[in-house]
């Protein structure tokens, strides 16, 4: 068994099985064997089952939230917000299952009809991260099942308890064994089992770019379809015509969500020179009011980082910036609470020489840069291998449209710190991956297109 640790106090809050290779192989076989019957169900039948899952989980969302706080460390208000977000995917795809439409195409043959059908791609597998242990699973599983696919998932070993609870409620809702399966254990061995098995036709992965590239290489041997949502290095650009109060509030909300441990967290904060000092003052005042504490309370707090490796990484990035001359306006060190708590930190006057500029921080660190012109801001924002999301604040609509075209990211967010909802396509470009989750775009990742020519109609 693998112990599941509460990052707030180091206590053991549960255990998850360390599954053997035969255990994983048997679960994959169940996933593959269940596919034909699930794919034959009508869209309405799949929709009704997903809706029952939604209703059951929604009725007990506080139970899920408290599990998530204990194994992840995020505060209760955030956990409840994540559950609402994740439930949105079950609800959306329960409805979207009935809207996977094909086409008819004008025929090149007067004696034939041309049809285009969409069919489920087959048995699928998913690997999910620890930072959103509820939403990441519902987003992948609900989409796959709505399309008529079966899915086996491996949740992060840090946060499997929420996943097991979701599986329990799925069974109660009528999702059969095999249609939704779960395995826990050695991530390398499980990843290899998913990718080398020719019966698995698609893999969906959310996690680091390094692991995503490894999985993509392994999937190449069997030409599996993939969805990859990988690392980020999000720019957050504030122009001198922006509403500063709104920009600060949007930044604080986006940055401190899950203590900064989010792939879409603003990583490089570019502020135009004319408002830089005023922005820093307002930001410092806002962040200084936020408490750092364990998460089992209703108000928002900044919780612990997930493990020792995470806090060591953040500490090293801040120490490197300070050694190179960065100004620390707030924080800059581990919190007096000890353990895995780190102070919300504001670093000013950074440049591209700093490690923090080219590294996904994954912690409560605001890294600020000055810029002069729009062209400079766009060039700096795009100067990264990543392209997941970019944020910008401006009241100039012409500039907003220019930014939407010129910023190299799969998602461009203007005048808001909020990105995701079930109805929109979530995903990146460049080293942030490919494929989309959410909206009608998401279900297209789980179907294959079949062209049918129906000839001989006049004989």
Protein backbone atom coordinates (compact mmCIF):
# COMPACT_ATOMS: atom_id res chain seq x y z
CA UNK A 1 0.00 0.00 0.00
CA UNK A 2 1.00 3.63 -0.54
CA UNK A 3 0.42 6.09 2.30
CA UNK A 4 -1.41 9.30 1.37
CA UNK A 5 0.02 12.26 3.29
CA UNK A 6 -1.67 15.48 4.37
CA UNK A 7 0.80 18.18 3.23
CA UNK A 8 -0.42 20.54 5.95
CA UNK A 9 0.79 18.42 8.86
CA UNK A 10 2.46 15.28 7.50
CA UNK A 11 -0.20 12.94 8.86
CA UNK A 12 -1.31 9.82 7.01
CA UNK A 13 -4.89 10.37 5.81
CA UNK A 14 -5.36 7.14 3.89
CA UNK A 15 -3.80 4.50 1.71
CA UNK A 16 -4.00 3.48 -1.91
CA UNK A 17 -3.07 0.11 -3.42
CA UNK A 18 0.37 -0.45 -4.89
CA UNK A 19 -0.97 -2.52 -7.76
CA UNK A 20 1.15 -5.21 -9.33
CA UNK A 21 1.73 -5.62 -13.07
CA UNK A 22 -0.90 -8.41 -13.25
CA UNK A 23 -3.39 -6.18 -11.41
CA UNK A 24 -2.86 -3.38 -13.93
CA UNK A 25 -3.05 -5.78 -16.87
CA UNK A 26 -6.33 -7.21 -15.58
CA UNK A 27 -7.81 -3.71 -15.23
CA UNK A 28 -6.76 -2.85 -18.79
CA UNK A 29 -8.41 -6.04 -20.02
CA UNK A 30 -11.64 -5.13 -18.21
CA UNK A 31 -11.52 -1.70 -19.88
CA UNK A 32 -11.08 -3.22 -23.32
CA UNK A 33 -13.65 -5.98 -22.83
CA UNK A 34 -16.30 -3.49 -21.70
CA UNK A 35 -15.95 -1.26 -24.76
CA UNK A 36 -18.23 -3.02 -27.29
CA UNK A 37 -21.28 -3.06 -25.00
CA UNK A 38 -20.76 0.52 -23.82
CA UNK A 39 -20.25 1.79 -27.38
CA UNK A 40 -23.51 0.09 -28.45
CA UNK A 41 -25.54 1.97 -25.85
CA UNK A 42 -27.57 4.83 -27.20
CA UNK A 43 -26.36 8.33 -26.54
CA UNK A 44 -29.43 8.85 -24.36
CA UNK A 45 -28.58 5.81 -22.23
CA UNK A 46 -25.03 7.05 -21.66
CA UNK A 47 -26.35 10.52 -20.95
CA UNK A 48 -28.76 9.29 -18.29
CA UNK A 49 -26.05 7.32 -16.48
CA UNK A 50 -23.68 10.31 -16.45
CA UNK A 51 -26.47 12.49 -15.13
CA UNK A 52 -27.06 10.07 -12.25
CA UNK A 53 -23.33 10.26 -11.43
CA UNK A 54 -23.58 14.04 -11.43
CA UNK A 55 -26.59 14.05 -9.09
CA UNK A 56 -25.04 11.61 -6.61
CA UNK A 57 -21.74 13.47 -6.35
CA UNK A 58 -23.40 16.87 -6.15
CA UNK A 59 -25.49 15.75 -3.18
CA UNK A 60 -22.30 14.87 -1.25
CA UNK A 61 -19.91 17.56 -2.50
CA UNK A 62 -18.85 18.52 1.05
CA UNK A 63 -17.63 14.92 1.56
CA UNK A 64 -15.47 15.19 -1.55
CA UNK A 65 -14.18 18.63 -0.57
CA UNK A 66 -12.99 17.49 2.84
CA UNK A 67 -11.16 14.52 1.33
CA UNK A 68 -9.48 16.85 -1.15
CA UNK A 69 -8.35 19.29 1.55
CA UNK A 70 -6.74 16.48 3.53
CA UNK A 71 -4.79 14.92 0.66
CA UNK A 72 -4.06 18.03 -1.44
CA UNK A 73 -3.79 20.89 1.07
CA UNK A 74 -5.94 23.42 -0.78
CA UNK A 75 -8.46 25.31 1.34
CA UNK A 76 -12.06 24.22 1.65
CA UNK A 77 -13.49 27.10 -0.37
CA UNK A 78 -11.17 26.21 -3.25
CA UNK A 79 -12.01 22.52 -2.98
CA UNK A 80 -15.73 23.29 -3.18
CA UNK A 81 -15.05 25.54 -6.16
CA UNK A 82 -13.13 22.77 -7.89
CA UNK A 83 -16.01 20.37 -7.33
CA UNK A 84 -18.45 22.82 -8.95
CA UNK A 85 -16.02 23.16 -11.86
CA UNK A 86 -15.58 19.41 -12.19
CA UNK A 87 -19.28 18.67 -11.89
CA UNK A 88 -19.78 21.03 -14.81
CA UNK A 89 -17.93 18.58 -17.06
CA UNK A 90 -20.14 15.65 -16.05
CA UNK A 91 -23.24 17.76 -16.65
CA UNK A 92 -21.94 19.18 -19.95
CA UNK A 93 -20.93 15.84 -21.43
CA UNK A 94 -24.08 14.12 -20.23
CA UNK A 95 -25.77 16.53 -22.61
CA UNK A 96 -23.05 16.54 -25.28
CA UNK A 97 -23.29 12.75 -25.66
CA UNK A 98 -26.47 13.35 -27.64
CA UNK A 99 -24.84 15.87 -29.98
CA UNK A 100 -22.01 13.96 -31.67
CA UNK A 101 -23.25 14.68 -35.17
CA UNK A 102 -22.09 13.32 -38.52
CA UNK A 103 -22.57 14.83 -41.99
CA UNK A 104 -23.89 14.16 -45.43
CA UNK A 105 -21.80 15.46 -48.32
CA UNK A 106 -23.04 16.17 -51.87
CA UNK A 107 -22.07 13.08 -53.79
CA UNK A 108 -19.65 12.93 -56.72
CA UNK A 109 -21.68 9.97 -58.00
CA UNK A 110 -25.34 10.50 -59.04
CA UNK A 111 -26.09 6.92 -57.97
CA UNK A 112 -24.55 7.22 -54.49
CA UNK A 113 -24.81 9.03 -51.17
CA UNK A 114 -21.84 10.17 -49.09
CA UNK A 115 -22.10 9.86 -45.32
CA UNK A 116 -19.64 10.88 -42.59
CA UNK A 117 -20.06 9.08 -39.27
CA UNK A 118 -18.36 9.65 -35.93
CA UNK A 119 -17.60 6.59 -33.84
CA UNK A 120 -15.95 6.22 -30.41
CA UNK A 121 -12.20 5.83 -30.79
CA UNK A 122 -12.10 2.76 -28.53
CA UNK A 123 -10.75 1.92 -25.05
CA UNK A 124 -8.81 4.86 -23.61
CA UNK A 125 -6.45 5.62 -20.74
CA UNK A 126 -5.73 8.77 -18.75
CA UNK A 127 -3.09 9.93 -16.30
CA UNK A 128 -4.08 12.81 -14.03
CA UNK A 129 -2.08 15.13 -11.72
CA UNK A 130 -2.43 15.92 -8.03
CA UNK A 131 -3.26 19.64 -8.21
CA UNK A 132 -6.90 19.15 -9.30
CA UNK A 133 -7.72 15.64 -8.10
CA UNK A 134 -11.47 15.97 -8.77
CA UNK A 135 -11.80 18.12 -11.88
CA UNK A 136 -9.03 16.48 -13.88
CA UNK A 137 -10.76 13.12 -13.56
CA UNK A 138 -14.30 14.28 -14.32
CA UNK A 139 -13.09 16.27 -17.34
CA UNK A 140 -11.46 13.20 -18.89
CA UNK A 141 -13.80 10.42 -17.80
CA UNK A 142 -17.07 12.21 -18.56
CA UNK A 143 -15.86 13.13 -22.04
CA UNK A 144 -14.67 9.63 -22.89
CA UNK A 145 -17.79 7.92 -21.58
CA UNK A 146 -20.11 10.38 -23.34
CA UNK A 147 -18.40 9.60 -26.66
CA UNK A 148 -18.91 5.86 -26.14
CA UNK A 149 -15.34 5.08 -25.06
CA UNK A 150 -14.30 3.22 -21.94
CA UNK A 151 -11.51 4.67 -19.79
CA UNK A 152 -8.91 3.50 -17.29
CA UNK A 153 -7.22 6.19 -15.22
CA UNK A 154 -4.15 6.47 -13.05
CA UNK A 155 -4.55 9.34 -10.58
CA UNK A 156 -1.53 10.91 -8.93
CA UNK A 157 -0.23 8.85 -6.04
CA UNK A 158 -0.28 12.03 -3.87
CA UNK A 159 -4.06 12.46 -4.23
CA UNK A 160 -5.84 9.17 -5.05
CA UNK A 161 -8.52 9.28 -2.35
CA UNK A 162 -10.74 11.75 -4.21
CA UNK A 163 -10.43 9.56 -7.30
CA UNK A 164 -11.45 6.39 -5.48
CA UNK A 165 -14.48 8.22 -4.06
CA UNK A 166 -15.47 9.32 -7.57
CA UNK A 167 -15.21 5.72 -8.75
CA UNK A 168 -17.37 4.55 -5.86
CA UNK A 169 -20.12 7.01 -6.81
CA UNK A 170 -19.75 6.11 -10.49
CA UNK A 171 -20.52 2.49 -9.66
CA UNK A 172 -23.55 3.55 -7.64
CA UNK A 173 -24.74 5.61 -10.62
CA UNK A 174 -24.61 2.55 -12.88
CA UNK A 175 -21.25 2.97 -14.62
CA UNK A 176 -20.14 -0.68 -14.88
CA UNK A 177 -16.83 -2.27 -14.10
CA UNK A 178 -14.57 -1.86 -17.10
CA UNK A 179 -16.30 1.23 -18.42
CA UNK A 180 -14.51 3.34 -15.80
CA UNK A 181 -11.49 1.64 -14.21
CA UNK A 182 -8.77 2.95 -11.95
CA UNK A 183 -5.27 1.77 -11.04
CA UNK A 184 -2.70 3.12 -8.59
CA UNK A 185 0.93 2.28 -8.09
CA UNK A 186 4.25 2.84 -9.80
CA UNK A 187 3.66 5.66 -12.34
CA UNK A 188 6.40 4.55 -14.72
CA UNK A 189 5.18 0.96 -14.89
CA UNK A 190 1.54 1.98 -15.28
CA UNK A 191 2.39 4.54 -17.95
CA UNK A 192 4.29 1.93 -19.93
CA UNK A 193 1.42 -0.55 -19.56
CA UNK A 194 -1.01 2.01 -20.98
CA UNK A 195 1.17 3.04 -23.89
CA UNK A 196 2.42 -0.37 -25.04
CA UNK A 197 -0.98 -2.10 -25.03
CA UNK A 198 -2.30 -2.07 -28.58
CA UNK A 199 -5.88 -2.42 -27.35
CA UNK A 200 -5.75 1.08 -25.81
CA UNK A 201 -6.48 3.47 -28.66
CA UNK A 202 -5.99 6.83 -26.94
CA UNK A 203 -4.07 8.29 -23.97
CA UNK A 204 -4.91 11.58 -22.29
CA UNK A 205 -2.25 13.06 -20.01
CA UNK A 206 -2.07 16.18 -17.87
CA UNK A 207 1.30 16.83 -16.28
CA UNK A 208 4.84 17.93 -17.00
CA UNK A 209 6.24 18.48 -20.48
CA UNK A 210 9.08 16.04 -19.73
CA UNK A 211 6.70 13.18 -18.97
CA UNK A 212 4.37 14.18 -21.80
CA UNK A 213 7.18 13.87 -24.33
CA UNK A 214 8.11 10.48 -22.89
CA UNK A 215 4.54 9.22 -23.19
CA UNK A 216 4.21 10.63 -26.72
CA UNK A 217 7.30 8.71 -27.76
CA UNK A 218 5.96 5.50 -26.25
CA UNK A 219 2.53 5.99 -27.87
CA UNK A 220 4.21 6.43 -31.24
CA UNK A 221 4.95 2.71 -31.41
CA UNK A 222 1.24 1.90 -31.59
CA UNK A 223 0.10 5.22 -33.16
CA UNK A 224 -2.26 6.04 -30.33
CA UNK A 225 -4.30 9.20 -30.42
CA UNK A 226 -3.22 11.58 -27.63
CA UNK A 227 -4.35 14.64 -25.72
CA UNK A 228 -1.49 16.34 -23.88
CA UNK A 229 -1.98 19.24 -21.47
CA UNK A 230 1.53 20.01 -20.28
CA UNK A 231 3.57 22.71 -18.57
CA UNK A 232 3.07 26.45 -18.71
CA UNK A 233 4.96 29.71 -18.28
CA UNK A 234 2.02 32.09 -18.49
CA UNK A 235 2.61 35.80 -19.11
CA UNK A 236 0.34 38.28 -17.33
CA UNK A 237 0.61 41.66 -19.06
CA UNK A 238 -0.73 44.87 -17.49
CA UNK A 239 -0.82 47.96 -19.71
CA UNK A 240 -0.90 51.51 -18.42
CA UNK A 241 -4.54 51.97 -19.45
CA UNK A 242 -5.73 48.99 -17.38
CA UNK A 243 -7.98 49.23 -14.36
CA UNK A 244 -5.34 48.59 -11.69
CA UNK A 245 -7.70 47.44 -8.94
CA UNK A 246 -9.31 44.86 -11.22
CA UNK A 247 -5.93 43.74 -12.59
CA UNK A 248 -4.51 43.23 -9.09
CA UNK A 249 -7.59 41.31 -7.96
CA UNK A 250 -7.46 39.12 -11.08
CA UNK A 251 -3.76 38.45 -10.62
CA UNK A 252 -4.04 37.55 -6.92
CA UNK A 253 -6.92 35.17 -7.60
CA UNK A 254 -5.17 33.49 -10.52
CA UNK A 255 -1.75 33.29 -8.85
CA UNK A 256 -2.69 32.05 -5.39
CA UNK A 257 -5.18 29.41 -6.51
CA UNK A 258 -3.95 26.12 -5.04
CA UNK A 259 -0.98 28.04 -3.59
CA UNK A 260 0.26 28.78 -7.11
CA UNK A 261 0.44 25.09 -8.04
CA UNK A 262 -1.54 25.42 -11.26
CA UNK A 263 -0.41 25.04 -14.87
CA UNK A 264 -2.30 28.21 -15.86
CA UNK A 265 -0.92 30.25 -12.96
CA UNK A 266 0.59 33.61 -14.04
CA UNK A 267 4.33 32.96 -14.07
CA UNK A 268 5.82 36.13 -15.58
CA UNK A 269 4.03 39.36 -14.67
CA UNK A 270 4.85 42.17 -17.12
CA UNK A 271 3.77 45.65 -15.98
CA UNK A 272 4.14 48.79 -18.10
CA UNK A 273 6.72 51.20 -16.71
CA UNK A 274 4.33 54.12 -16.17
CA UNK A 275 2.19 52.20 -13.69
CA UNK A 276 4.75 49.74 -12.37
CA UNK A 277 5.32 51.33 -8.96
CA UNK A 278 1.62 51.93 -8.32
CA UNK A 279 0.81 48.36 -9.34
CA UNK A 280 3.45 46.93 -7.01
CA UNK A 281 2.06 48.97 -4.11
CA UNK A 282 -1.49 47.78 -4.68
CA UNK A 283 -0.37 44.19 -5.20
CA UNK A 284 1.72 44.18 -2.03
CA UNK A 285 -1.17 45.55 0.01
CA UNK A 286 -3.56 42.93 -1.37
CA UNK A 287 -1.27 39.93 -0.88
CA UNK A 288 -0.20 40.99 2.61
CA UNK A 289 -3.80 40.58 3.82
CA UNK A 290 -3.99 36.89 2.87
CA UNK A 291 -3.41 34.32 5.59
CA UNK A 292 -1.29 31.20 5.28
CA UNK A 293 -2.85 28.23 7.02
CA UNK A 294 -4.09 24.66 6.74
CA UNK A 295 -7.09 24.37 4.48
CA UNK A 296 -9.94 22.98 6.59
CA UNK A 297 -11.73 26.31 6.97
CA UNK A 298 -14.30 28.16 4.94
CA UNK A 299 -12.41 31.37 4.14
CA UNK A 300 -9.66 31.55 1.53
CA UNK A 301 -6.14 30.85 2.77
CA UNK A 302 -2.86 29.95 1.09
CA UNK A 303 -2.15 26.35 1.97
CA UNK A 304 0.99 24.21 1.92
CA UNK A 305 2.88 23.05 -1.14
CA UNK A 306 2.33 19.43 -2.06
CA UNK A 307 5.65 17.89 -0.95
CA UNK A 308 9.27 18.52 0.00
CA UNK A 309 10.45 18.56 -3.60
CA UNK A 310 7.97 21.34 -4.37
CA UNK A 311 9.04 23.61 -1.52
CA UNK A 312 12.72 23.00 -2.25
CA UNK A 313 12.15 24.06 -5.86
CA UNK A 314 10.37 27.28 -4.92
CA UNK A 315 13.01 28.09 -2.32
CA UNK A 316 15.80 27.59 -4.88
CA UNK A 317 14.08 29.80 -7.47
CA UNK A 318 13.58 32.66 -5.02
CA UNK A 319 17.11 32.36 -3.62
CA UNK A 320 18.53 32.47 -7.16
CA UNK A 321 16.54 35.62 -7.96
CA UNK A 322 17.66 37.34 -4.78
CA UNK A 323 21.30 36.42 -5.40
CA UNK A 324 21.05 38.08 -8.83
CA UNK A 325 19.62 41.29 -7.44
CA UNK A 326 15.85 40.87 -7.37
CA UNK A 327 14.05 43.12 -4.91
CA UNK A 328 11.86 41.25 -2.40
CA UNK A 329 8.78 43.32 -1.66
CA UNK A 330 7.02 40.65 0.36
CA UNK A 331 7.85 37.20 1.70
CA UNK A 332 10.87 35.54 0.16
CA UNK A 333 11.26 32.59 2.52
CA UNK A 334 9.61 29.59 4.08
CA UNK A 335 6.73 30.45 6.36
CA UNK A 336 7.22 30.43 10.15
CA UNK A 337 4.62 27.66 10.34
CA UNK A 338 7.33 25.39 8.95
CA UNK A 339 6.67 22.20 7.07
CA UNK A 340 5.59 22.75 3.48
CA UNK A 341 4.28 26.30 3.94
CA UNK A 342 5.91 29.09 1.92
CA UNK A 343 5.26 32.80 2.30
CA UNK A 344 3.39 34.53 -0.54
CA UNK A 345 6.28 36.33 -2.21
CA UNK A 346 6.61 39.35 -4.50
CA UNK A 347 9.85 39.70 -6.48
CA UNK A 348 10.46 42.91 -8.43
CA UNK A 349 12.77 44.12 -11.21
CA UNK A 350 13.43 40.74 -12.77
CA UNK A 351 14.84 39.97 -16.19
CA UNK A 352 15.42 36.96 -18.43
CA UNK A 353 18.68 35.99 -16.65
CA UNK A 354 16.81 34.69 -13.62
CA UNK A 355 15.93 30.99 -13.30
CA UNK A 356 12.41 32.00 -12.29
CA UNK A 357 11.88 33.48 -15.76
CA UNK A 358 12.26 30.18 -17.60
CA UNK A 359 10.83 27.78 -15.02
CA UNK A 360 7.25 26.96 -14.11
CA UNK A 361 7.27 28.21 -10.52
CA UNK A 362 4.39 26.17 -9.09
CA UNK A 363 4.30 28.16 -5.88
CA UNK A 364 2.96 31.43 -4.38
CA UNK A 365 5.61 33.65 -6.00
CA UNK A 366 4.77 36.80 -7.99
CA UNK A 367 7.63 37.54 -10.43
CA UNK A 368 7.38 41.09 -11.84
CA UNK A 369 9.04 42.64 -14.92
CA UNK A 370 8.88 46.16 -16.35
CA UNK A 371 8.20 46.85 -20.01
CA UNK A 372 7.86 49.99 -22.12
CA UNK A 373 6.00 49.22 -25.35
CA UNK A 374 3.34 46.83 -26.60
CA UNK A 375 5.84 45.30 -29.00
CA UNK A 376 8.28 44.64 -26.18
CA UNK A 377 5.56 43.03 -24.05
CA UNK A 378 4.47 40.69 -26.83
CA UNK A 379 8.06 39.74 -27.67
CA UNK A 380 8.84 38.98 -24.01
CA UNK A 381 5.61 37.09 -23.46
CA UNK A 382 6.27 34.85 -26.47
CA UNK A 383 9.91 34.24 -25.50
CA UNK A 384 9.25 30.81 -23.97
CA UNK A 385 8.93 27.25 -25.18
CA UNK A 386 5.48 27.08 -23.58
CA UNK A 387 2.15 28.26 -24.92
CA UNK A 388 -0.70 27.28 -22.62
CA UNK A 389 -2.33 30.56 -21.58
CA UNK A 390 -1.57 34.28 -21.72
CA UNK A 391 -3.31 37.02 -19.74
CA UNK A 392 -3.50 40.71 -20.62
CA UNK A 393 -5.20 43.73 -19.10
CA UNK A 394 -6.07 46.75 -21.24
CA UNK A 395 -9.07 48.97 -21.99
CA UNK A 396 -7.88 49.55 -25.57
CA UNK A 397 -10.02 47.21 -27.68
CA UNK A 398 -7.76 47.51 -30.70
CA UNK A 399 -4.84 46.39 -28.57
CA UNK A 400 -6.93 43.57 -27.09
CA UNK A 401 -7.59 42.18 -30.57
CA UNK A 402 -3.92 42.55 -31.55
CA UNK A 403 -2.91 40.64 -28.44
CA UNK A 404 -5.44 37.88 -29.15
CA UNK A 405 -3.76 37.33 -32.52
CA UNK A 406 -0.11 37.83 -31.61
CA UNK A 407 0.25 36.11 -28.24
CA UNK A 408 1.45 32.54 -28.75
CA UNK A 409 -0.87 30.54 -26.52
CA UNK A 410 -3.75 28.14 -26.83
CA UNK A 411 -5.82 30.45 -24.61
CA UNK A 412 -5.67 34.26 -24.41
CA UNK A 413 -7.54 35.84 -21.49
CA UNK A 414 -8.24 39.58 -21.66
CA UNK A 415 -9.17 41.52 -18.49
CA UNK A 416 -9.83 38.44 -16.36
CA UNK A 417 -7.91 36.02 -14.19
CA UNK A 418 -10.38 33.19 -14.80
CA UNK A 419 -9.80 30.65 -17.58
CA UNK A 420 -11.75 27.43 -17.38
CA UNK A 421 -15.34 26.31 -17.66
CA UNK A 422 -16.85 23.18 -19.16
CA UNK A 423 -18.05 24.86 -22.34
CA UNK A 424 -14.70 26.18 -23.65
CA UNK A 425 -11.70 24.44 -25.32
CA UNK A 426 -8.83 24.14 -22.82
CA UNK A 427 -5.33 23.37 -24.10
CA UNK A 428 -2.04 24.73 -25.35
CA UNK A 429 0.47 24.91 -28.16
CA UNK A 430 4.27 24.50 -28.42
CA UNK A 431 5.67 22.58 -25.45
CA UNK A 432 2.37 22.97 -23.59
CA UNK A 433 0.92 20.11 -25.62
CA UNK A 434 -1.87 19.54 -28.08
CA UNK A 435 -5.52 18.55 -28.18
CA UNK A 436 -8.37 20.23 -26.33
CA UNK A 437 -10.55 19.41 -23.34
CA UNK A 438 -13.93 21.04 -22.81
CA UNK A 439 -16.80 22.15 -25.01
CA UNK A 440 -17.76 20.29 -28.15
CA UNK A 441 -14.06 20.36 -29.08
CA UNK A 442 -13.27 18.00 -26.21
CA UNK A 443 -15.54 15.18 -27.31
CA UNK A 444 -14.07 15.33 -30.83
CA UNK A 445 -10.82 14.04 -29.29
CA UNK A 446 -12.62 10.78 -28.44
CA UNK A 447 -14.21 10.00 -31.81
CA UNK A 448 -12.91 8.88 -35.17
CA UNK A 449 -14.37 9.90 -38.50
CA UNK A 450 -15.65 7.25 -40.90
CA UNK A 451 -16.53 8.04 -44.51
CA UNK A 452 -19.22 5.81 -46.03
CA UNK A 453 -20.11 5.72 -49.74
CA UNK A 454 -23.56 4.21 -50.36
CA UNK A 455 -23.52 3.45 -54.11
CA UNK A 456 -25.78 1.42 -56.38
CA UNK A 457 -28.92 3.28 -55.36
CA UNK A 458 -30.46 3.21 -58.87
CA UNK A 459 -30.15 -0.56 -59.39
